Protein backbone atom coordinates (compact mmCIF):
# COMPACT_ATOMS: atom_id res chain seq x y z
CA GLN A 1 4.98 -2.55 13.81
CA VAL A 2 3.00 -3.22 10.64
CA THR A 3 3.53 -0.67 7.88
CA VAL A 4 0.70 0.71 5.76
CA ASN A 5 2.02 -1.14 2.71
CA SER A 6 2.35 -4.50 4.47
CA ARG A 7 -1.07 -4.04 6.08
CA ALA A 8 -2.60 -3.49 2.62
CA GLN A 9 -0.81 -6.59 1.32
CA GLN A 10 -2.11 -8.61 4.27
CA LEU A 11 -5.64 -7.39 3.60
CA GLY A 12 -5.32 -8.37 -0.06
CA ALA A 13 -4.10 -11.81 0.99
CA ALA A 14 -7.08 -12.15 3.35
CA PHE A 15 -9.45 -11.45 0.46
CA LEU A 16 -7.63 -14.00 -1.71
CA ALA A 17 -7.85 -16.55 1.10
CA ALA A 18 -11.68 -16.57 1.03
CA PRO A 19 -11.98 -18.69 -2.13
CA LEU A 20 -9.21 -20.93 -0.79
CA PHE A 21 -11.20 -21.50 2.41
CA VAL A 22 -14.21 -22.43 0.29
CA LEU A 23 -12.13 -24.86 -1.76
CA PHE A 24 -10.65 -26.35 1.40
CA TYR A 25 -14.07 -26.81 3.03
CA ASN A 26 -15.53 -28.27 -0.15
CA LEU A 27 -12.69 -30.69 -0.82
CA LEU A 28 -12.25 -31.80 2.76
CA PHE A 29 -15.87 -32.16 3.74
CA GLN A 30 -17.68 -32.45 0.41
CA HIS A 31 -20.78 -30.51 1.50
CA GLN A 32 -21.25 -32.60 4.64
CA ILE A 33 -21.14 -29.60 6.97
CA ILE A 34 -23.39 -27.26 5.03
CA ASN A 35 -26.93 -26.46 6.00
CA THR A 36 -28.55 -26.84 2.58
CA SER A 37 -31.94 -25.66 3.82
CA ILE A 38 -31.03 -22.06 2.90
CA PRO A 39 -33.23 -21.13 -0.07
CA LEU A 40 -30.83 -19.45 -2.50
CA ASN A 41 -33.66 -18.27 -4.72
CA ASP A 42 -35.14 -16.29 -1.84
CA LEU A 43 -33.92 -12.67 -2.01
CA THR A 44 -34.55 -12.11 1.68
CA SER A 45 -32.32 -15.04 2.61
CA LEU A 46 -29.60 -13.83 0.26
CA PHE A 47 -29.82 -10.30 1.69
CA LEU A 48 -29.54 -11.67 5.22
CA LEU A 49 -26.61 -13.96 4.37
CA LEU A 50 -24.66 -11.49 2.25
CA LEU A 51 -25.30 -8.15 3.94
CA PHE A 52 -27.33 -8.09 7.13
CA TYR A 53 -25.61 -10.89 9.09
CA PRO A 54 -22.04 -9.86 8.21
CA ILE A 55 -22.68 -6.22 9.09
CA ALA A 56 -24.62 -7.00 12.29
CA GLU A 57 -22.13 -9.65 13.43
CA GLU A 58 -19.13 -7.40 12.83
CA LEU A 59 -20.74 -4.47 14.62
CA ILE A 60 -21.56 -6.68 17.61
CA PHE A 61 -18.47 -8.90 17.76
CA ARG A 62 -15.65 -6.70 16.48
CA GLY A 63 -17.18 -3.28 17.13
CA MET A 64 -18.56 -3.91 20.60
CA ILE A 65 -17.29 -7.13 22.20
CA GLN A 66 -13.71 -7.09 20.89
CA GLU A 67 -13.43 -3.37 21.60
CA TYR A 68 -14.72 -3.86 25.15
CA LEU A 69 -12.41 -6.80 25.82
CA ALA A 70 -9.45 -4.86 24.41
CA SER A 71 -10.15 -2.01 26.80
CA LYS A 72 -10.32 -4.42 29.77
CA SER A 73 -7.26 -6.50 28.81
CA ASN A 74 -4.98 -3.57 27.97
CA LYS A 75 -4.77 -4.98 24.44
CA SER A 76 -2.82 -8.01 25.66
CA ILE A 77 -0.92 -9.62 22.81
CA VAL A 78 -0.89 -13.43 22.73
CA THR A 79 1.16 -13.78 19.54
CA SER A 80 2.69 -11.21 17.20
CA TYR A 81 -0.60 -11.13 15.28
CA LEU A 82 -3.31 -12.05 17.79
CA THR A 83 -4.60 -10.29 20.85
CA LEU A 84 -6.44 -11.87 23.74
CA SER A 85 -9.52 -9.80 22.89
CA ASN A 86 -9.53 -11.14 19.30
CA ILE A 87 -9.18 -14.77 20.44
CA VAL A 88 -11.94 -14.50 23.07
CA THR A 89 -14.22 -12.66 20.64
CA SER A 90 -13.61 -15.35 18.01
CA LEU A 91 -14.48 -18.08 20.51
CA LEU A 92 -17.75 -16.27 21.26
CA PHE A 93 -18.34 -15.92 17.51
CA VAL A 94 -17.95 -19.69 17.13
CA ALA A 95 -20.29 -20.32 20.07
CA VAL A 96 -23.04 -18.25 18.45
CA HIS A 97 -22.64 -20.18 15.21
CA PHE A 98 -23.49 -23.42 17.05
CA ILE A 99 -27.09 -22.15 17.19
CA ASN A 100 -27.81 -22.52 13.46
CA HIS A 101 -24.92 -24.58 12.13
CA THR A 102 -23.48 -28.03 12.54
CA PRO A 103 -20.71 -28.23 15.16
CA LEU A 104 -17.98 -28.68 12.56
CA TRP A 105 -19.16 -25.71 10.48
CA ALA A 106 -19.37 -23.56 13.63
CA LEU A 107 -15.80 -24.51 14.58
CA LEU A 108 -14.53 -23.70 11.10
CA VAL A 109 -15.59 -20.05 11.40
CA PHE A 110 -12.89 -19.58 14.07
CA ILE A 111 -10.07 -18.87 11.60
CA PRO A 112 -11.98 -16.33 9.48
CA SER A 113 -13.14 -14.72 12.72
CA LEU A 114 -9.53 -14.28 13.83
CA VAL A 115 -8.77 -12.71 10.44
CA PHE A 116 -11.71 -10.29 10.77
CA GLY A 117 -10.59 -9.33 14.27
CA TYR A 118 -6.99 -8.87 13.20
CA PHE A 119 -7.94 -6.37 10.51
CA LYS A 120 -10.32 -4.56 12.82
CA GLU A 121 -7.34 -4.00 15.11
CA GLN A 122 -4.84 -3.19 12.36
CA TYR A 123 -7.05 -0.54 10.76
CA GLN A 124 -8.70 0.61 14.00
CA SER A 125 -11.92 0.46 11.99
CA ILE A 126 -14.79 -1.96 11.61
CA TYR A 127 -15.00 -1.51 7.84
CA PRO A 128 -12.25 -3.95 6.76
CA SER A 129 -13.79 -6.73 8.86
CA ILE A 130 -17.26 -5.98 7.47
CA PHE A 131 -16.04 -6.08 3.87
CA LEU A 132 -14.05 -9.26 4.50
CA HIS A 133 -17.02 -10.94 6.18
CA ILE A 134 -19.31 -10.03 3.28
CA PHE A 135 -16.77 -11.37 0.79
CA TYR A 136 -16.29 -14.60 2.76
CA ASN A 137 -20.05 -15.11 2.82
CA ILE A 138 -20.27 -14.46 -0.94
CA CYS A 139 -17.56 -17.08 -1.51
CA SER A 140 -19.38 -19.50 0.81
CA LEU A 141 -22.36 -19.44 -1.55
CA PHE A 142 -20.32 -21.65 -3.85
CA LEU A 143 -20.63 -24.41 -1.26
CA PHE A 144 -24.37 -24.47 -1.87
CA ILE A 145 -24.13 -24.70 -5.65
């Protein structure tokens, strides 16, 4: 059982992990996996990247798919932190990212996706995963700079 205090600490750690993921990606792959065709001076593209996509993806993946899978799998726990519904949803999330991203970049979204799903389940709310996703996307902008 996760207490309210430890859950808040975990959420804080998840926010702190976003810049670390960006540093890891940047150091390990040195921009090789980034689609640099995104025009950062285009306000529409920035709006889509920073707000629309994170909100839409979280509503679809965590709010609908993960919720549906959880109801069908009786919230089966795979590890002490991960449920079957979170893992399957994260695999689907990765699959969708193959459409517009390189294979390596698409695969790398698996871990943040698990984090988003974990907090959706811990808080029984979509809002923590939405805010985390937005923050992760904001941090990912540093890969384009």
